[in-house]
Amino acid sequence: MMSIHKLMLAVLAAGISVIIDAQETAMFQDIRYILDPVTLTAEVGSNPTVQGDLSIPATIVVGQDTYRVTEISDKAFKGDKMLTGIVLPESIERVYRSAFEGTALIQDKELWEDGVLVIDHILIASDKTIKPRYEVPLDIRVIACGAFEGNKAITHVTLPEGLTKIDHEVFKNCKNLERINIPQSVTQLGEDILDGTAIFKDDHKWKKGVLYVDGCAFKVSDEAPAKFTFYDKKGKSPVRLIAGGAFKNNNTIKTITIPDGITEIPNAAFYKCSALQEVIIPASVKRVGMYAFYECGLLKSALLPESLEYLGAGAFYGCENLKNQRLGAKIKCIDTGTFFLCRSINHIEFPNELIRIGDGAFAGCTGLEDITLPESLQWIGENAFSGCSRFTQIIVPTQVNELKKGVFADCSHLYRISLPDGLYAIGDEAFKNCIQLEKINLPYTTFRIGQAAFFHCQSLEYILIPEQVHMIEKGAFQDCKVLTTISIPQNVERIESQVFMNCTGMLSIQLPNTIKHIDSQAFYNCRVLKKIDWPKDLETIGEEAFKGCNHLKTGHLPENVIVDKKAFDSK
């Protein structure tokens, strides 16, 4: 089963349709990589047809950026019968056993020794020939996710000091595994590591609903008390690490105190904890992982410490009752879906050095009032503030050069926005349904107005389209009912379909001689439009282009223009 940290977020809620998938991909030397532009890391993506021996580089260059290759994804080479060998760089931090399932590489028994497959100090997989009491070699630096999963032969495992991470599902369903050590060097624990093992079923390993091994909390059951703390009566904590997904789906805990000294709240730690209302986070915490509090619908308080350096994608996704947050100075990125549908947040303080706000980061935050975006900001993702219906005005920082798809869609009270010089594109649906927006000044650098960019901006009275604009795409100004006049710049050659559809207040429009095509329904139902000076080089007028424009006087159309027979139909 795919771990939660691989989950893509797809939502239809509160009338807001948002698909969140922040993956950016690139080909480098015929290998597909998935890029993280925030951390400048890359993982090897799906490459099911690689032949022969392959060498993965430690870094790849994409555009002007250099990415460090840190991961082999879960289906990277799955089923590739032609992959016979691979070299893995020291930069690799995570590998999935499933990445090599069904490959010629994993089926070549000459590569196996002592019941395990090891490639470049990475333990990829194990089989039934492994010794029951197995000692992982000292030179192993990474153990693949699921490397021992389902292995019934092992009963005892000794892990080497120096290992820093035990990843997802490494020993899952090893039903005879009854003993394992967790070295002090380990600083990260993945999800479902010991599920289905003899350790997991040993009641002596559980204390007050918590499965402990060597000071590490692997799982918390519904037997845990509602007011939960790791501390004992003497004020000491038995836990130094919390595993990914440790509290996942817990239905009993209402409040919890994270012990001082814990540096990470891992991925999916409190995923869908339905009763959780308060989390006390100590100053020692530097990282909050992906989906850490995903859909904790009753969570009201989880104040993030000033020390925080990383806040993962979807960390507070769907926490409808979460109150205001202040993000510490060390946060450089607010990732994909981090505060999606956090309806109770009305104020958030951004760090002064914030660089990036990811896709859907604040989408559906209907209580969030006007915000101040820091000048350090360079990137605002798709649907980042979609549905923030209390926004009335906003200033986009000077380093942002593109408004992504749906970035301010459904901001129904937004009436004023300031855009920076240097902005080159207004993305699809960027201001869709901003019904209070009255006017907007596009920077002279703008060259693209995307599909439905101003769809249903029914209060939009004025917009000056800069001379640099080359593209005004489908439905860009559809349903802008009070827009009375507009001038199209010389660089535009086509009025795309439905661009001014239902602009019922449109009185006049200036079309340059560069216009060659007026597409279907371009001016559909512009019922008070009276006159157009036809471009001399006009070639086509599409179906229903001027349907319902009953006051339009066509005059003399240019010679040789091809007019659809329904172009000027009346309703």
Protein backbone atom coordinates (compact mmCIF):
# COMPACT_ATOMS: atom_id res chain seq x y z
CA MET A 1 0.00 0.00 0.00
CA MET A 2 1.27 3.47 -0.85
CA SER A 3 2.46 5.40 2.18
CA ILE A 4 0.56 8.53 3.13
CA HIS A 5 3.51 10.76 2.30
CA LYS A 6 2.97 9.87 -1.37
CA LEU A 7 -0.69 10.87 -1.30
CA MET A 8 -1.89 13.39 -3.87
CA LEU A 9 -4.55 15.78 -2.72
CA ALA A 10 -7.69 16.00 -4.84
CA VAL A 11 -10.66 17.85 -3.42
CA LEU A 12 -14.10 19.13 -4.29
CA ALA A 13 -15.32 21.10 -1.29
CA ALA A 14 -17.17 24.27 -0.40
CA GLY A 15 -17.83 24.90 -4.07
CA ILE A 16 -14.08 25.14 -4.70
CA SER A 17 -12.58 22.66 -7.10
CA VAL A 18 -8.88 22.25 -6.45
CA ILE A 19 -6.50 19.60 -7.66
CA ILE A 20 -3.21 19.76 -5.84
CA ASP A 21 -0.25 18.04 -7.43
CA ALA A 22 2.95 19.98 -7.08
CA GLN A 23 5.07 17.56 -9.05
CA GLU A 24 7.41 19.07 -11.59
CA THR A 25 9.18 16.62 -13.88
CA ALA A 26 12.17 16.74 -16.16
CA MET A 27 14.18 14.42 -18.41
CA PHE A 28 17.92 14.30 -17.85
CA GLN A 29 20.10 11.95 -19.89
CA ASP A 30 16.97 9.97 -20.88
CA ILE A 31 15.85 9.42 -17.28
CA ARG A 32 12.67 10.98 -15.86
CA TYR A 33 13.00 12.83 -12.57
CA ILE A 34 10.46 14.41 -10.22
CA LEU A 35 11.72 17.78 -9.00
CA ASP A 36 11.26 19.68 -5.76
CA PRO A 37 12.05 23.30 -6.61
CA VAL A 38 11.95 24.33 -2.95
CA THR A 39 14.63 21.97 -1.63
CA LEU A 40 16.31 21.59 -5.04
CA THR A 41 16.15 17.81 -4.72
CA ALA A 42 15.07 15.24 -7.29
CA GLU A 43 13.78 11.69 -7.23
CA VAL A 44 14.02 9.18 -10.04
CA GLY A 45 10.49 8.86 -11.44
CA SER A 46 8.83 6.14 -13.50
CA ASN A 47 11.25 4.72 -16.09
CA PRO A 48 9.90 1.25 -17.00
CA THR A 49 11.82 0.79 -20.27
CA VAL A 50 15.47 1.40 -19.36
CA GLN A 51 17.85 -1.15 -20.89
CA GLY A 52 21.16 -2.56 -19.67
CA ASP A 53 23.25 -0.98 -16.94
CA LEU A 54 22.36 2.44 -15.59
CA SER A 55 24.29 5.01 -13.56
CA ILE A 56 22.27 7.54 -11.57
CA PRO A 57 24.09 10.88 -11.11
CA ALA A 58 24.35 12.62 -7.75
CA THR A 59 23.08 15.86 -9.30
CA ILE A 60 21.17 16.91 -12.38
CA VAL A 61 20.95 20.31 -14.03
CA VAL A 62 17.55 21.57 -15.16
CA GLY A 63 17.53 25.07 -16.60
CA GLN A 64 19.60 27.23 -14.30
CA ASP A 65 19.15 25.01 -11.24
CA THR A 66 21.15 22.06 -9.94
CA TYR A 67 19.12 19.38 -8.18
CA ARG A 68 20.54 16.81 -5.75
CA VAL A 69 19.21 13.31 -6.51
CA THR A 70 18.02 11.88 -3.18
CA GLU A 71 15.35 9.26 -3.92
CA ILE A 72 14.40 6.32 -6.14
CA SER A 73 10.58 6.42 -6.27
CA ASP A 74 8.31 3.48 -5.55
CA LYS A 75 7.71 2.48 -9.18
CA ALA A 76 10.86 3.82 -10.77
CA PHE A 77 11.85 0.67 -12.68
CA LYS A 78 9.08 -1.73 -11.71
CA GLY A 79 8.64 -4.54 -14.26
CA ASP A 80 11.63 -3.50 -16.38
CA LYS A 81 12.96 -6.82 -17.66
CA MET A 82 15.86 -5.12 -19.43
CA LEU A 83 17.40 -3.38 -16.40
CA THR A 84 20.44 -5.51 -15.57
CA GLY A 85 22.53 -3.20 -13.37
CA ILE A 86 22.49 0.14 -11.60
CA VAL A 87 24.94 2.45 -9.84
CA LEU A 88 23.47 4.55 -7.02
CA PRO A 89 25.25 7.72 -5.81
CA GLU A 90 25.96 8.59 -2.18
CA SER A 91 23.34 11.35 -2.41
CA ILE A 92 20.53 8.76 -2.31
CA GLU A 93 18.62 8.90 0.96
CA ARG A 94 15.55 6.80 0.14
CA VAL A 95 14.90 3.80 -2.07
CA TYR A 96 11.76 1.70 -2.42
CA ARG A 97 12.07 -2.06 -2.77
CA SER A 98 9.11 -1.84 -5.15
CA ALA A 99 11.24 0.35 -7.43
CA PHE A 100 12.98 -2.79 -8.66
CA GLU A 101 10.18 -5.38 -8.47
CA GLY A 102 10.04 -7.54 -11.57
CA THR A 103 13.33 -6.24 -12.97
CA ALA A 104 16.13 -8.40 -14.30
CA LEU A 105 18.30 -6.76 -11.66
CA ILE A 106 16.35 -8.10 -8.68
CA GLN A 107 15.96 -11.53 -10.30
CA ASP A 108 19.70 -11.98 -10.80
CA LYS A 109 20.61 -14.22 -7.82
CA GLU A 110 24.31 -13.72 -8.44
CA LEU A 111 23.86 -10.22 -7.04
CA TRP A 112 22.41 -11.56 -3.78
CA GLU A 113 24.48 -12.52 -0.74
CA ASP A 114 23.38 -13.91 2.64
CA GLY A 115 19.74 -13.52 1.67
CA VAL A 116 19.87 -9.80 0.82
CA LEU A 117 20.40 -7.66 -2.25
CA VAL A 118 22.81 -4.79 -1.60
CA ILE A 119 23.71 -2.14 -4.17
CA ASP A 120 26.25 0.55 -3.33
CA HIS A 121 25.72 0.16 0.44
CA ILE A 122 21.94 0.28 0.07
CA LEU A 123 20.03 -2.80 1.26
CA ILE A 124 17.31 -3.20 -1.36
CA ALA A 125 15.51 -6.47 -0.52
CA SER A 126 15.66 -9.77 1.40
CA ASP A 127 14.47 -13.33 0.81
CA LYS A 128 13.78 -16.51 2.81
CA THR A 129 17.42 -17.63 2.76
CA ILE A 130 18.32 -14.87 5.24
CA LYS A 131 19.59 -15.95 8.68
CA PRO A 132 16.89 -15.79 11.41
CA ARG A 133 19.24 -13.70 13.56
CA TYR A 134 20.37 -11.15 11.03
CA GLU A 135 22.96 -8.44 11.57
CA VAL A 136 22.77 -5.62 9.08
CA PRO A 137 26.34 -4.95 7.82
CA LEU A 138 28.10 -1.92 9.26
CA ASP A 139 28.60 -0.33 5.84
CA ILE A 140 24.86 -0.18 5.05
CA ARG A 141 23.84 3.48 4.93
CA VAL A 142 20.26 3.12 3.60
CA ILE A 143 17.66 0.38 4.01
CA ALA A 144 15.00 0.48 1.29
CA CYS A 145 11.36 1.01 2.19
CA GLY A 146 9.84 -2.46 2.61
CA ALA A 147 13.23 -4.18 2.31
CA PHE A 148 12.26 -6.98 4.73
CA GLU A 149 8.48 -6.68 4.36
CA GLY A 150 6.72 -10.03 4.74
CA ASN A 151 9.92 -11.94 5.44
CA LYS A 152 8.95 -14.85 7.73
CA ALA A 153 12.49 -16.13 8.25
CA ILE A 154 13.90 -13.38 10.46
CA THR A 155 13.34 -13.41 14.23
CA HIS A 156 16.03 -10.99 15.43
CA VAL A 157 17.57 -7.98 13.66
CA THR A 158 20.61 -6.00 14.74
CA LEU A 159 20.92 -2.57 13.17
CA PRO A 160 24.33 -0.85 12.99
CA GLU A 161 25.25 2.30 14.87
CA GLY A 162 25.60 5.03 12.26
CA LEU A 163 22.29 4.30 10.54
CA THR A 164 20.27 7.53 10.61
CA LYS A 165 16.86 6.48 9.27
CA ILE A 166 14.52 3.48 9.39
CA ASP A 167 12.14 4.05 6.52
CA HIS A 168 8.54 3.10 5.74
CA GLU A 169 7.36 -0.51 6.16
CA VAL A 170 10.92 -1.89 6.44
CA PHE A 171 9.86 -4.81 8.67
CA LYS A 172 6.13 -4.77 8.07
CA ASN A 173 4.44 -8.20 8.34
CA CYS A 174 7.65 -9.97 9.41
CA LYS A 175 5.41 -12.03 11.66
CA ASN A 176 8.21 -13.85 13.50
CA LEU A 177 10.31 -10.77 14.23
CA GLU A 178 10.44 -10.52 18.00
CA ARG A 179 13.48 -8.36 18.69
CA ILE A 180 15.14 -5.34 17.13
CA ASN A 181 17.42 -2.55 18.35
CA ILE A 182 17.09 1.12 17.43
CA PRO A 183 20.59 2.71 17.36
CA GLN A 184 21.08 6.11 18.99
CA SER A 185 22.23 7.40 15.61
CA VAL A 186 18.72 6.99 14.17
CA THR A 187 16.94 10.35 13.95
CA GLN A 188 13.99 9.49 11.67
CA LEU A 189 11.40 6.74 11.73
CA GLY A 190 9.03 6.08 8.84
CA GLU A 191 5.49 4.73 8.82
CA ASP A 192 4.26 1.20 9.65
CA ILE A 193 7.76 -0.13 10.34
CA LEU A 194 6.76 -2.89 12.79
CA ASP A 195 3.12 -3.50 11.85
CA GLY A 196 2.29 -7.20 11.71
CA THR A 197 5.44 -8.32 13.58
CA ALA A 198 5.72 -10.37 16.76
CA ILE A 199 6.99 -7.18 18.42
CA PHE A 200 3.78 -5.40 17.49
CA LYS A 201 1.72 -8.20 19.02
CA ASP A 202 3.76 -8.39 22.24
CA ASP A 203 1.66 -6.80 25.00
CA HIS A 204 4.78 -6.21 27.10
CA LYS A 205 6.03 -3.72 24.48
CA TRP A 206 2.94 -1.54 24.92
CA LYS A 207 2.56 0.96 27.76
CA LYS A 208 -0.61 3.01 28.14
CA GLY A 209 -1.50 2.43 24.51
CA VAL A 210 1.98 3.14 23.10
CA LEU A 211 4.33 0.66 21.42
CA TYR A 212 7.86 1.50 22.60
CA VAL A 213 11.17 0.08 21.37
CA ASP A 214 14.41 1.59 22.67
CA GLY A 215 12.79 4.92 23.52
CA CYS A 216 10.96 5.21 20.19
CA ALA A 217 7.16 5.43 19.94
CA PHE A 218 6.08 3.39 16.92
CA LYS A 219 2.31 3.24 17.39
CA VAL A 220 -0.40 4.69 19.61
CA SER A 221 -3.67 2.82 20.01
CA ASP A 222 -7.16 3.94 21.05
CA GLU A 223 -6.32 2.70 24.55
CA ALA A 224 -4.28 5.87 25.03
CA PRO A 225 -5.89 8.38 27.44
CA ALA A 226 -7.76 11.45 26.16
CA LYS A 227 -5.28 13.77 27.89
CA PHE A 228 -2.08 12.26 26.58
CA THR A 229 1.48 12.88 27.68
CA PHE A 230 4.68 10.94 27.26
CA TYR A 231 5.93 12.15 30.64
CA ASP A 232 5.83 9.90 33.71
CA LYS A 233 5.09 10.95 37.29
CA LYS A 234 8.71 11.98 37.76
CA GLY A 235 8.54 14.34 34.80
CA LYS A 236 10.66 12.13 32.58
CA SER A 237 9.81 11.12 29.04
CA PRO A 238 10.45 7.59 27.76
CA VAL A 239 10.43 8.76 24.15
CA ARG A 240 13.19 10.28 22.00
CA LEU A 241 11.62 9.68 18.57
CA ILE A 242 8.09 9.44 17.20
CA ALA A 243 7.52 7.28 14.13
CA GLY A 244 5.65 8.49 11.06
CA GLY A 245 1.92 7.85 11.36
CA ALA A 246 2.29 6.91 15.03
CA PHE A 247 -1.08 8.43 16.06
CA LYS A 248 -2.76 7.89 12.69
CA ASN A 249 -6.55 7.49 12.92
CA ASN A 250 -6.56 7.68 16.73
CA ASN A 251 -10.09 8.36 18.01
CA THR A 252 -9.50 8.96 21.74
CA ILE A 253 -6.76 11.54 22.29
CA LYS A 254 -8.02 15.11 22.78
CA THR A 255 -4.90 16.87 24.02
CA ILE A 256 -1.24 15.98 23.80
CA THR A 257 2.05 17.43 24.98
CA ILE A 258 5.04 16.71 22.74
CA PRO A 259 8.11 16.19 24.95
CA ASP A 260 10.88 18.76 24.94
CA GLY A 261 13.81 17.37 22.97
CA ILE A 262 11.71 15.99 20.13
CA THR A 263 12.94 17.70 16.96
CA GLU A 264 10.40 16.40 14.45
CA ILE A 265 6.69 15.75 14.24
CA PRO A 266 6.95 13.24 11.39
CA ASN A 267 4.86 12.64 8.31
CA ALA A 268 1.21 11.76 9.04
CA ALA A 269 1.95 11.65 12.78
CA PHE A 270 -1.61 12.71 13.73
CA TYR A 271 -3.31 11.89 10.43
CA LYS A 272 -7.12 11.96 10.87
CA CYS A 273 -7.07 12.02 14.68
CA SER A 274 -10.78 12.67 14.97
CA ALA A 275 -10.87 13.76 18.65
CA LEU A 276 -7.68 15.83 18.78
CA GLN A 277 -8.24 19.43 19.92
CA GLU A 278 -4.93 20.70 21.27
CA VAL A 279 -1.26 19.95 20.68
CA ILE A 280 1.49 21.59 22.71
CA ILE A 281 4.62 21.76 20.56
CA PRO A 282 7.97 22.46 22.27
CA ALA A 283 10.64 24.84 21.04
CA SER A 284 12.88 21.87 20.19
CA VAL A 285 10.71 20.94 17.18
CA LYS A 286 12.31 22.04 13.93
CA ARG A 287 10.27 20.03 11.43
CA VAL A 288 6.57 19.28 10.99
CA GLY A 289 6.17 16.61 8.32
CA MET A 290 3.76 16.20 5.45
CA TYR A 291 0.12 15.53 6.43
CA ALA A 292 1.17 15.68 10.11
CA PHE A 293 -2.29 16.92 11.22
CA TYR A 294 -4.22 16.03 8.06
CA GLU A 295 -7.99 16.37 8.58
CA CYS A 296 -7.84 16.78 12.36
CA GLY A 297 -11.18 18.51 12.11
CA LEU A 298 -11.52 19.42 15.81
CA LEU A 299 -7.96 20.70 16.24
CA LYS A 300 -8.04 24.28 17.52
CA SER A 301 -4.56 24.90 18.89
CA ALA A 302 -1.19 23.73 17.60
CA LEU A 303 1.05 26.77 17.90
CA LEU A 304 4.20 26.39 15.85
CA PRO A 305 7.48 27.35 17.56
CA GLU A 306 9.76 30.10 16.35
CA SER A 307 12.44 27.42 15.89
CA LEU A 308 10.50 25.70 13.09
CA GLU A 309 12.48 25.30 9.87
CA TYR A 310 10.22 23.06 7.76
CA LEU A 311 6.46 22.74 7.40
CA GLY A 312 5.42 19.91 5.11
CA ALA A 313 2.76 19.71 2.40
CA GLY A 314 -0.76 19.24 3.74
CA ALA A 315 0.44 19.61 7.33
CA PHE A 316 -2.85 21.19 8.51
CA TYR A 317 -4.99 20.17 5.54
CA GLY A 318 -8.67 20.22 6.46
CA CYS A 319 -8.18 21.45 10.07
CA GLU A 320 -11.38 23.44 9.96
CA ASN A 321 -11.21 24.68 13.56
CA LEU A 322 -7.52 25.61 13.67
CA LYS A 323 -6.96 29.14 14.94
CA ASN A 324 -4.40 31.75 13.89
CA GLN A 325 -0.80 30.86 13.17
CA ARG A 326 2.50 32.70 13.22
CA LEU A 327 5.21 31.25 11.02
CA GLY A 328 8.77 31.56 12.31
CA ALA A 329 11.51 33.47 10.55
CA LYS A 330 13.23 30.29 9.33
CA ILE A 331 10.32 29.15 7.17
CA LYS A 332 11.14 29.72 3.50
CA CYS A 333 8.23 27.81 1.97
CA ILE A 334 4.56 27.20 2.71
CA ASP A 335 4.05 23.98 0.81
CA THR A 336 1.24 22.39 -1.18
CA GLY A 337 -2.11 22.36 0.65
CA THR A 338 -0.52 23.24 4.00
CA PHE A 339 -3.57 25.14 5.35
CA PHE A 340 -6.17 23.95 2.84
CA LEU A 341 -9.73 24.46 4.17
CA CYS A 342 -8.56 25.90 7.50
CA ARG A 343 -11.74 27.95 7.67
CA SER A 344 -11.25 29.29 11.22
CA ILE A 345 -7.93 31.03 10.59
CA ASN A 346 -8.55 34.77 10.17
CA HIS A 347 -4.97 35.98 10.51
CA ILE A 348 -1.58 34.60 9.62
CA GLU A 349 1.79 36.25 10.01
CA PHE A 350 4.24 35.46 7.23
CA PRO A 351 8.01 35.29 7.75
CA ASN A 352 10.02 38.09 6.20
CA GLU A 353 12.16 35.72 4.14
CA LEU A 354 9.35 33.59 2.70
CA ILE A 355 10.14 32.63 -0.89
CA ARG A 356 7.33 30.33 -2.00
CA ILE A 357 3.64 29.67 -1.34
CA GLY A 358 2.63 26.33 -2.84
CA ASP A 359 -0.43 25.13 -4.72
CA GLY A 360 -3.63 25.35 -2.69
CA ALA A 361 -1.72 26.44 0.43
CA PHE A 362 -4.61 28.57 1.74
CA ALA A 363 -7.42 27.52 -0.59
CA GLY A 364 -10.80 27.52 1.11
CA CYS A 365 -9.61 29.59 4.10
CA THR A 366 -12.90 31.45 4.17
CA GLY A 367 -12.12 33.21 7.47
CA LEU A 368 -8.73 34.55 6.40
CA GLU A 369 -8.80 38.35 6.22
CA ASP A 370 -6.50 40.68 4.32
CA ILE A 371 -2.86 39.61 4.41
CA THR A 372 0.49 41.24 3.81
CA LEU A 373 2.72 39.21 1.54
CA PRO A 374 6.47 39.74 2.19
CA GLU A 375 8.63 41.35 -0.48
CA SER A 376 10.87 38.26 -0.42
CA LEU A 377 8.10 36.19 -2.04
CA GLN A 378 8.96 34.91 -5.52
CA TRP A 379 6.31 32.29 -6.25
CA ILE A 380 2.58 31.89 -5.55
CA GLY A 381 1.21 28.52 -6.65
CA GLU A 382 -2.00 27.46 -8.35
CA ASN A 383 -5.18 28.03 -6.31
CA ALA A 384 -3.00 29.30 -3.46
CA PHE A 385 -5.71 31.66 -2.13
CA SER A 386 -8.72 30.29 -3.99
CA GLY A 387 -11.91 30.78 -2.01
CA CYS A 388 -10.44 33.26 0.49
CA SER A 389 -13.72 35.11 0.39
CA ARG A 390 -12.85 37.79 2.99
CA PHE A 391 -9.97 39.29 1.05
CA THR A 392 -10.75 42.86 0.02
CA GLN A 393 -7.36 43.98 -1.25
CA ILE A 394 -3.92 42.56 -1.82
CA ILE A 395 -0.49 43.69 -3.02
CA VAL A 396 1.46 41.14 -5.04
CA PRO A 397 5.22 41.40 -4.25
CA THR A 398 7.60 42.69 -6.91
CA GLN A 399 9.48 39.42 -7.45
CA VAL A 400 6.37 37.47 -8.46
CA ASN A 401 6.38 37.33 -12.27
CA GLU A 402 3.35 35.14 -12.93
CA LEU A 403 -0.09 34.65 -11.44
CA LYS A 404 -0.78 30.91 -11.53
CA LYS A 405 -4.04 29.18 -12.33
CA GLY A 406 -6.87 30.07 -9.95
CA VAL A 407 -4.58 31.90 -7.55
CA PHE A 408 -7.29 34.34 -6.40
CA ALA A 409 -10.35 32.55 -7.83
CA ASP A 410 -13.56 32.83 -5.79
CA CYS A 411 -12.19 35.69 -3.67
CA SER A 412 -15.67 37.13 -3.76
CA HIS A 413 -14.94 40.33 -1.78
CA LEU A 414 -11.67 41.25 -3.47
CA TYR A 415 -12.11 44.69 -5.02
CA ARG A 416 -8.55 45.99 -5.28
CA ILE A 417 -5.28 44.36 -6.27
CA SER A 418 -1.87 45.81 -7.06
CA LEU A 419 0.28 43.91 -9.54
CA PRO A 420 4.06 44.36 -9.89
CA ASP A 421 5.97 45.58 -12.90
CA GLY A 422 7.59 42.52 -14.41
CA LEU A 423 4.48 40.35 -14.22
CA TYR A 424 4.23 38.59 -17.57
CA ALA A 425 1.18 36.35 -17.32
CA ILE A 426 -2.29 36.24 -15.78
CA GLY A 427 -2.99 32.51 -15.47
CA ASP A 428 -6.15 30.59 -16.25
CA GLU A 429 -9.02 31.44 -13.84
CA ALA A 430 -6.68 33.70 -11.83
CA PHE A 431 -9.55 36.02 -10.82
CA LYS A 432 -12.50 33.79 -11.66
CA ASN A 433 -15.63 34.77 -9.72
CA CYS A 434 -14.02 37.81 -8.10
CA ILE A 435 -17.39 39.47 -8.26
CA GLN A 436 -16.39 42.69 -6.42
CA LEU A 437 -13.30 43.47 -8.51
CA GLU A 438 -14.00 46.81 -10.19
CA LYS A 439 -10.82 47.65 -12.04
CA ILE A 440 -7.32 46.33 -12.56
CA ASN A 441 -4.17 47.76 -14.07
CA LEU A 442 -2.11 45.15 -15.83
CA PRO A 443 1.65 45.84 -15.92
CA TYR A 444 3.10 46.82 -19.28
CA THR A 445 5.13 43.57 -19.22
CA THR A 446 2.03 41.36 -19.40
CA PHE A 447 1.84 39.26 -22.56
CA ARG A 448 -0.73 36.59 -21.68
CA ILE A 449 -4.25 36.66 -20.25
CA GLY A 450 -5.26 33.06 -19.62
CA GLN A 451 -8.49 31.15 -20.04
CA ALA A 452 -11.36 32.45 -17.91
CA ALA A 453 -8.88 34.74 -16.16
CA PHE A 454 -11.63 37.25 -15.29
CA PHE A 455 -14.63 34.96 -15.72
CA HIS A 456 -17.73 36.29 -13.96
CA CYS A 457 -16.00 39.39 -12.62
CA GLN A 458 -19.38 41.04 -12.83
CA SER A 459 -18.26 44.34 -11.28
CA LEU A 460 -15.26 44.84 -13.55
CA GLU A 461 -15.73 48.22 -15.19
CA TYR A 462 -12.28 48.97 -16.47
CA ILE A 463 -9.17 47.16 -17.62
CA LEU A 464 -6.36 48.47 -19.76
CA ILE A 465 -4.75 45.71 -21.79
CA PRO A 466 -1.04 46.47 -22.32
CA GLU A 467 0.48 46.61 -25.78
CA GLN A 468 2.71 43.61 -25.02
CA VAL A 469 -0.25 41.23 -24.73
CA HIS A 470 -0.14 38.53 -27.40
CA MET A 471 -2.76 36.13 -26.06
CA ILE A 472 -6.25 36.68 -24.69
CA GLU A 473 -7.50 33.15 -24.20
CA LYS A 474 -10.88 31.43 -24.15
CA GLY A 475 -13.49 32.99 -21.88
CA ALA A 476 -11.02 35.51 -20.44
CA PHE A 477 -13.72 38.16 -19.83
CA GLN A 478 -16.84 36.01 -20.04
CA ASP A 479 -19.77 37.31 -17.95
CA CYS A 480 -18.09 40.66 -17.19
CA LYS A 481 -21.47 42.31 -17.40
CA VAL A 482 -20.55 45.94 -16.67
CA LEU A 483 -17.43 46.12 -18.83
CA THR A 484 -18.41 48.76 -21.38
CA THR A 485 -15.38 49.27 -23.59
CA ILE A 486 -12.07 47.62 -24.26
CA SER A 487 -9.15 48.08 -26.63
CA ILE A 488 -7.29 45.08 -28.01
CA PRO A 489 -3.54 45.64 -28.59
CA GLN A 490 -1.77 45.24 -31.93
CA ASN A 491 0.00 41.98 -31.05
CA VAL A 492 -3.22 39.98 -30.79
CA GLU A 493 -4.18 38.03 -33.92
CA ARG A 494 -7.16 36.02 -32.64
CA ILE A 495 -10.21 36.71 -30.48
CA GLU A 496 -10.67 33.25 -28.98
CA SER A 497 -14.00 31.60 -28.29
CA GLN A 498 -16.22 33.06 -25.55
CA VAL A 499 -13.69 35.78 -24.64
CA PHE A 500 -16.43 38.42 -24.29
CA MET A 501 -19.43 36.11 -24.06
CA ASN A 502 -22.31 37.61 -22.01
CA CYS A 503 -20.60 40.98 -21.66
CA THR A 504 -24.06 42.49 -21.74
CA GLY A 505 -22.84 46.05 -21.04
CA MET A 506 -20.24 46.11 -23.82
CA LEU A 507 -20.87 49.18 -25.97
CA SER A 508 -17.78 49.27 -28.13
CA ILE A 509 -14.55 47.47 -28.80
CA GLN A 510 -11.49 48.47 -30.74
CA LEU A 511 -10.02 45.67 -32.80
CA PRO A 512 -6.60 46.22 -34.39
CA ASN A 513 -5.94 45.33 -38.02
CA THR A 514 -3.79 42.44 -36.82
CA ILE A 515 -6.90 40.43 -35.88
CA LYS A 516 -7.37 37.59 -38.35
CA HIS A 517 -9.83 35.32 -36.54
CA ILE A 518 -12.89 35.87 -34.38
CA ASP A 519 -13.75 32.45 -32.92
CA SER A 520 -17.06 30.87 -31.96
CA GLN A 521 -19.21 32.75 -29.43
CA ALA A 522 -16.50 35.38 -28.96
CA PHE A 523 -19.12 38.16 -28.50
CA TYR A 524 -22.13 35.94 -27.81
CA ASN A 525 -24.98 37.91 -26.18
CA CYS A 526 -23.19 41.27 -26.18
CA ARG A 527 -26.61 42.66 -26.72
CA VAL A 528 -25.87 46.42 -26.58
CA LEU A 529 -22.80 46.25 -28.80
CA LYS A 530 -23.53 48.56 -31.73
CA LYS A 531 -20.51 48.90 -33.92
CA ILE A 532 -17.21 47.28 -34.75
CA ASP A 533 -14.60 48.58 -37.13
CA TRP A 534 -13.64 45.38 -38.87
CA PRO A 535 -9.92 44.60 -39.19
CA LYS A 536 -8.89 44.74 -42.82
CA ASP A 537 -7.03 41.43 -42.65
CA LEU A 538 -9.86 39.53 -40.96
CA GLU A 539 -10.10 35.96 -42.33
CA THR A 540 -12.77 34.12 -40.33
CA ILE A 541 -15.77 34.75 -38.08
CA GLY A 542 -16.83 31.64 -36.17
CA GLU A 543 -20.13 30.02 -35.26
CA GLU A 544 -22.38 32.21 -33.08
CA ALA A 545 -19.53 34.71 -32.73
CA PHE A 546 -22.07 37.57 -32.51
CA LYS A 547 -25.23 35.66 -31.69
CA GLY A 548 -27.65 37.83 -29.72
CA CYS A 549 -25.85 41.06 -30.66
CA ASN A 550 -29.12 42.41 -31.96
CA HIS A 551 -28.00 46.07 -32.09
CA LEU A 552 -24.81 45.39 -33.99
CA LYS A 553 -24.57 47.00 -37.39
CA THR A 554 -22.24 44.81 -39.41
CA GLY A 555 -21.53 47.37 -42.11
CA HIS A 556 -19.13 46.25 -44.80
CA LEU A 557 -17.14 43.17 -43.90
CA PRO A 558 -13.67 42.80 -45.43
CA GLU A 559 -13.46 40.96 -48.70
CA ASN A 560 -12.69 37.24 -48.61
CA VAL A 561 -13.61 36.88 -44.92
CA ILE A 562 -15.20 33.48 -44.23
CA VAL A 563 -18.31 33.96 -42.09
CA ASP A 564 -20.04 31.04 -40.43
CA LYS A 565 -23.72 30.92 -41.34
CA LYS A 566 -24.71 31.19 -37.67
CA ALA A 567 -22.22 33.93 -36.82
CA PHE A 568 -24.84 36.68 -36.49
CA ASP A 569 -27.89 34.69 -35.37
CA SER A 570 -30.32 36.51 -33.14
CA LYS A 571 -31.68 34.80 -30.05
